[in-house]
Amino acid sequence: QVQLVESGGGLVQAGGSLRLSCAASGRTFSTYAMGWFRRAPGKEREFVAAISWSSSSTYYADSVNGRFTISRDNAKNTVYLQMNSLKPEDTAVYYCARHSTGRWSPTRLDKYDYWGQGTQVTVSS
């Protein structure tokens, strides 16, 4: 059984930064692509960023490109999301997820088979 545990959320002023972490259990973490998603109040869950198993490829939503950076440390079974220049519209619950085996489709929620419980990020104006 795979468990994903997010941390690092909190309250920050607009223009500030946060770094989210997602710690994964299991010995095969390094063989899976990982992703970050978010769900804002009243909205559906949406893709934020994804990273391949080797970190050679990353993919970002247009809304965060240039402000957020996804990375991973396979030795620590952890994936990160560095969030800079935060805006009030970034307020959401942020989730990490493990991409299933097979063709990489980073933005598709249905391609992720394990999800964390989420961490709240609130950006005040």
C-alpha atoms as a PDB file:
ATOM      1  CA  GLN A   1       0.000   0.000   0.000  1.00  0.00           C
ATOM      2  CA  VAL A   2       1.311   3.422  -0.959  1.00  0.00           C
ATOM      3  CA  GLN A   3       0.836   6.389   1.320  1.00  0.00           C
ATOM      4  CA  LEU A   4       1.442   9.994   0.335  1.00  0.00           C
ATOM      5  CA  VAL A   5       1.636  12.661   3.027  1.00  0.00           C
ATOM      6  CA  GLU A   6       1.753  16.348   2.135  1.00  0.00           C
ATOM      7  CA  SER A   7       3.118  19.085   4.365  1.00  0.00           C
ATOM      8  CA  GLY A   8       4.217  22.693   4.171  1.00  0.00           C
ATOM      9  CA  GLY A   9       0.936  24.427   3.565  1.00  0.00           C
ATOM     10  CA  GLY A  10      -0.116  27.520   5.454  1.00  0.00           C
ATOM     11  CA  LEU A  11      -1.111  31.171   5.296  1.00  0.00           C
ATOM     12  CA  VAL A  12       1.065  33.555   3.306  1.00  0.00           C
ATOM     13  CA  GLN A  13       0.701  37.062   1.936  1.00  0.00           C
ATOM     14  CA  ALA A  14       0.479  37.704  -1.778  1.00  0.00           C
ATOM     15  CA  GLY A  15       3.940  37.743  -3.310  1.00  0.00           C
ATOM     16  CA  GLY A  16       5.275  35.315  -0.735  1.00  0.00           C
ATOM     17  CA  SER A  17       6.585  31.786  -1.067  1.00  0.00           C
ATOM     18  CA  LEU A  18       5.888  28.326   0.285  1.00  0.00           C
ATOM     19  CA  ARG A  19       7.435  24.938  -0.304  1.00  0.00           C
ATOM     20  CA  LEU A  20       5.215  21.898  -0.186  1.00  0.00           C
ATOM     21  CA  SER A  21       6.578  18.431   0.444  1.00  0.00           C
ATOM     22  CA  CYS A  22       5.064  15.051  -0.255  1.00  0.00           C
ATOM     23  CA  ALA A  23       6.588  12.040   1.467  1.00  0.00           C
ATOM     24  CA  ALA A  24       5.836   8.675  -0.068  1.00  0.00           C
ATOM     25  CA  SER A  25       5.995   5.230   1.439  1.00  0.00           C
ATOM     26  CA  GLY A  26       7.124   2.215  -0.540  1.00  0.00           C
ATOM     27  CA  ARG A  27      10.310   1.093  -2.201  1.00  0.00           C
ATOM     28  CA  THR A  28       9.308   1.878  -5.781  1.00  0.00           C
ATOM     29  CA  PHE A  29       8.807   5.638  -5.481  1.00  0.00           C
ATOM     30  CA  SER A  30      11.702   6.355  -7.826  1.00  0.00           C
ATOM     31  CA  THR A  31      10.079   4.470 -10.700  1.00  0.00           C
ATOM     32  CA  TYR A  32       6.897   6.568 -10.869  1.00  0.00           C
ATOM     33  CA  ALA A  33       6.105   9.999 -12.191  1.00  0.00           C
ATOM     34  CA  MET A  34       4.489  12.281  -9.642  1.00  0.00           C
ATOM     35  CA  GLY A  35       2.156  15.221  -9.809  1.00  0.00           C
ATOM     36  CA  TRP A  36       0.643  18.075  -7.827  1.00  0.00           C
ATOM     37  CA  PHE A  37      -2.983  19.113  -8.124  1.00  0.00           C
ATOM     38  CA  ARG A  38      -5.142  21.631  -6.303  1.00  0.00           C
ATOM     39  CA  ARG A  39      -8.774  22.293  -5.564  1.00  0.00           C
ATOM     40  CA  ALA A  40      -9.951  25.804  -4.865  1.00  0.00           C
ATOM     41  CA  PRO A  41     -13.215  26.469  -3.027  1.00  0.00           C
ATOM     42  CA  GLY A  42     -16.161  25.797  -5.303  1.00  0.00           C
ATOM     43  CA  LYS A  43     -13.984  24.480  -8.103  1.00  0.00           C
ATOM     44  CA  GLU A  44     -12.912  21.106  -9.393  1.00  0.00           C
ATOM     45  CA  ARG A  45      -9.507  19.625  -8.785  1.00  0.00           C
ATOM     46  CA  GLU A  46      -7.000  20.866 -11.344  1.00  0.00           C
ATOM     47  CA  PHE A  47      -3.531  19.984 -12.504  1.00  0.00           C
ATOM     48  CA  VAL A  48      -0.620  22.084 -11.227  1.00  0.00           C
ATOM     49  CA  ALA A  49       2.679  20.359 -12.031  1.00  0.00           C
ATOM     50  CA  ALA A  50       4.211  16.967 -12.772  1.00  0.00           C
ATOM     51  CA  ILE A  51       7.654  15.413 -12.867  1.00  0.00           C
ATOM     52  CA  SER A  52       8.962  12.252 -14.489  1.00  0.00           C
ATOM     53  CA  TRP A  53      10.550   9.484 -12.440  1.00  0.00           C
ATOM     54  CA  SER A  54      14.054  10.624 -13.354  1.00  0.00           C
ATOM     55  CA  SER A  55      13.355  14.368 -13.055  1.00  0.00           C
ATOM     56  CA  SER A  56      14.309  14.737 -16.710  1.00  0.00           C
ATOM     57  CA  SER A  57      10.880  16.083 -17.632  1.00  0.00           C
ATOM     58  CA  THR A  58       8.571  18.508 -15.888  1.00  0.00           C
ATOM     59  CA  TYR A  59       5.220  19.930 -16.890  1.00  0.00           C
ATOM     60  CA  TYR A  60       3.267  22.904 -15.542  1.00  0.00           C
ATOM     61  CA  ALA A  61      -0.146  24.421 -15.792  1.00  0.00           C
ATOM     62  CA  ASP A  62      -0.070  27.759 -17.588  1.00  0.00           C
ATOM     63  CA  SER A  63      -1.351  29.479 -14.461  1.00  0.00           C
ATOM     64  CA  VAL A  64       1.737  28.544 -12.421  1.00  0.00           C
ATOM     65  CA  ASN A  65       4.444  28.278 -15.078  1.00  0.00           C
ATOM     66  CA  GLY A  66       7.384  30.467 -14.150  1.00  0.00           C
ATOM     67  CA  ARG A  67       6.275  30.782 -10.517  1.00  0.00           C
ATOM     68  CA  PHE A  68       6.170  27.177  -9.295  1.00  0.00           C
ATOM     69  CA  THR A  69       8.895  24.542  -9.491  1.00  0.00           C
ATOM     70  CA  ILE A  70       8.417  20.825  -9.005  1.00  0.00           C
ATOM     71  CA  SER A  71      11.336  18.637  -7.955  1.00  0.00           C
ATOM     72  CA  ARG A  72      11.974  15.308  -6.336  1.00  0.00           C
ATOM     73  CA  ASP A  73      14.547  13.519  -4.225  1.00  0.00           C
ATOM     74  CA  ASN A  74      14.277   9.804  -4.888  1.00  0.00           C
ATOM     75  CA  ALA A  75      16.687   8.989  -2.081  1.00  0.00           C
ATOM     76  CA  LYS A  76      14.208  10.570   0.337  1.00  0.00           C
ATOM     77  CA  ASN A  77      11.044   9.358  -1.407  1.00  0.00           C
ATOM     78  CA  THR A  78       9.881  12.965  -1.522  1.00  0.00           C
ATOM     79  CA  VAL A  79       8.505  15.313  -4.145  1.00  0.00           C
ATOM     80  CA  TYR A  80       8.434  19.079  -3.667  1.00  0.00           C
ATOM     81  CA  LEU A  81       6.538  22.049  -4.992  1.00  0.00           C
ATOM     82  CA  GLN A  82       8.280  25.378  -4.587  1.00  0.00           C
ATOM     83  CA  MET A  83       5.722  28.141  -4.943  1.00  0.00           C
ATOM     84  CA  ASN A  84       6.912  31.711  -5.457  1.00  0.00           C
ATOM     85  CA  SER A  85       5.093  34.959  -6.212  1.00  0.00           C
ATOM     86  CA  LEU A  86       1.929  33.540  -4.746  1.00  0.00           C
ATOM     87  CA  LYS A  87      -1.386  35.096  -5.649  1.00  0.00           C
ATOM     88  CA  PRO A  88      -4.754  34.979  -3.863  1.00  0.00           C
ATOM     89  CA  GLU A  89      -6.050  32.793  -6.694  1.00  0.00           C
ATOM     90  CA  ASP A  90      -3.504  30.144  -5.695  1.00  0.00           C
ATOM     91  CA  THR A  91      -5.534  29.545  -2.540  1.00  0.00           C
ATOM     92  CA  ALA A  92      -6.549  25.891  -2.549  1.00  0.00           C
ATOM     93  CA  VAL A  93      -5.996  22.493  -1.037  1.00  0.00           C
ATOM     94  CA  TYR A  94      -2.927  21.022  -2.711  1.00  0.00           C
ATOM     95  CA  TYR A  95      -2.607  17.300  -3.341  1.00  0.00           C
ATOM     96  CA  CYS A  96       0.271  15.162  -4.485  1.00  0.00           C
ATOM     97  CA  ALA A  97      -0.388  12.039  -6.482  1.00  0.00           C
ATOM     98  CA  ARG A  98       1.437   9.113  -8.025  1.00  0.00           C
ATOM     99  CA  HIS A  99       1.073   8.568 -11.749  1.00  0.00           C
ATOM    100  CA  SER A 100       0.161   5.023 -12.673  1.00  0.00           C
ATOM    101  CA  THR A 101       2.319   2.874 -14.948  1.00  0.00           C
ATOM    102  CA  GLY A 102       2.009   3.255 -18.674  1.00  0.00           C
ATOM    103  CA  ARG A 103       2.060   6.255 -20.977  1.00  0.00           C
ATOM    104  CA  TRP A 104       2.692   9.511 -19.105  1.00  0.00           C
ATOM    105  CA  SER A 105      -0.296  11.823 -19.220  1.00  0.00           C
ATOM    106  CA  PRO A 106       0.662  14.455 -16.644  1.00  0.00           C
ATOM    107  CA  THR A 107      -2.517  16.533 -16.654  1.00  0.00           C
ATOM    108  CA  ARG A 108      -5.057  13.723 -16.490  1.00  0.00           C
ATOM    109  CA  LEU A 109      -6.421  13.088 -13.005  1.00  0.00           C
ATOM    110  CA  ASP A 110      -7.573   9.596 -13.960  1.00  0.00           C
ATOM    111  CA  LYS A 111      -3.967   8.548 -14.666  1.00  0.00           C
ATOM    112  CA  TYR A 112      -2.988   8.958 -11.010  1.00  0.00           C
ATOM    113  CA  ASP A 113      -3.607   5.991  -8.767  1.00  0.00           C
ATOM    114  CA  TYR A 114      -2.616   7.188  -5.292  1.00  0.00           C
ATOM    115  CA  TRP A 115      -3.383  10.532  -3.669  1.00  0.00           C
ATOM    116  CA  GLY A 116      -2.406  12.296  -0.502  1.00  0.00           C
ATOM    117  CA  GLN A 117      -4.870  13.854   1.909  1.00  0.00           C
ATOM    118  CA  GLY A 118      -4.013  17.401   0.880  1.00  0.00           C
ATOM    119  CA  THR A 119      -2.536  20.485   2.521  1.00  0.00           C
ATOM    120  CA  GLN A 120      -4.210  23.886   2.668  1.00  0.00           C
ATOM    121  CA  VAL A 121      -2.537  26.904   1.097  1.00  0.00           C
ATOM    122  CA  THR A 122      -4.117  30.279   1.743  1.00  0.00           C
ATOM    123  CA  VAL A 123      -2.797  33.431   0.095  1.00  0.00           C
ATOM    124  CA  SER A 124      -4.041  36.708   1.512  1.00  0.00           C
ATOM    125  CA  SER A 125      -4.211  39.900  -0.525  1.00  0.00           C
END
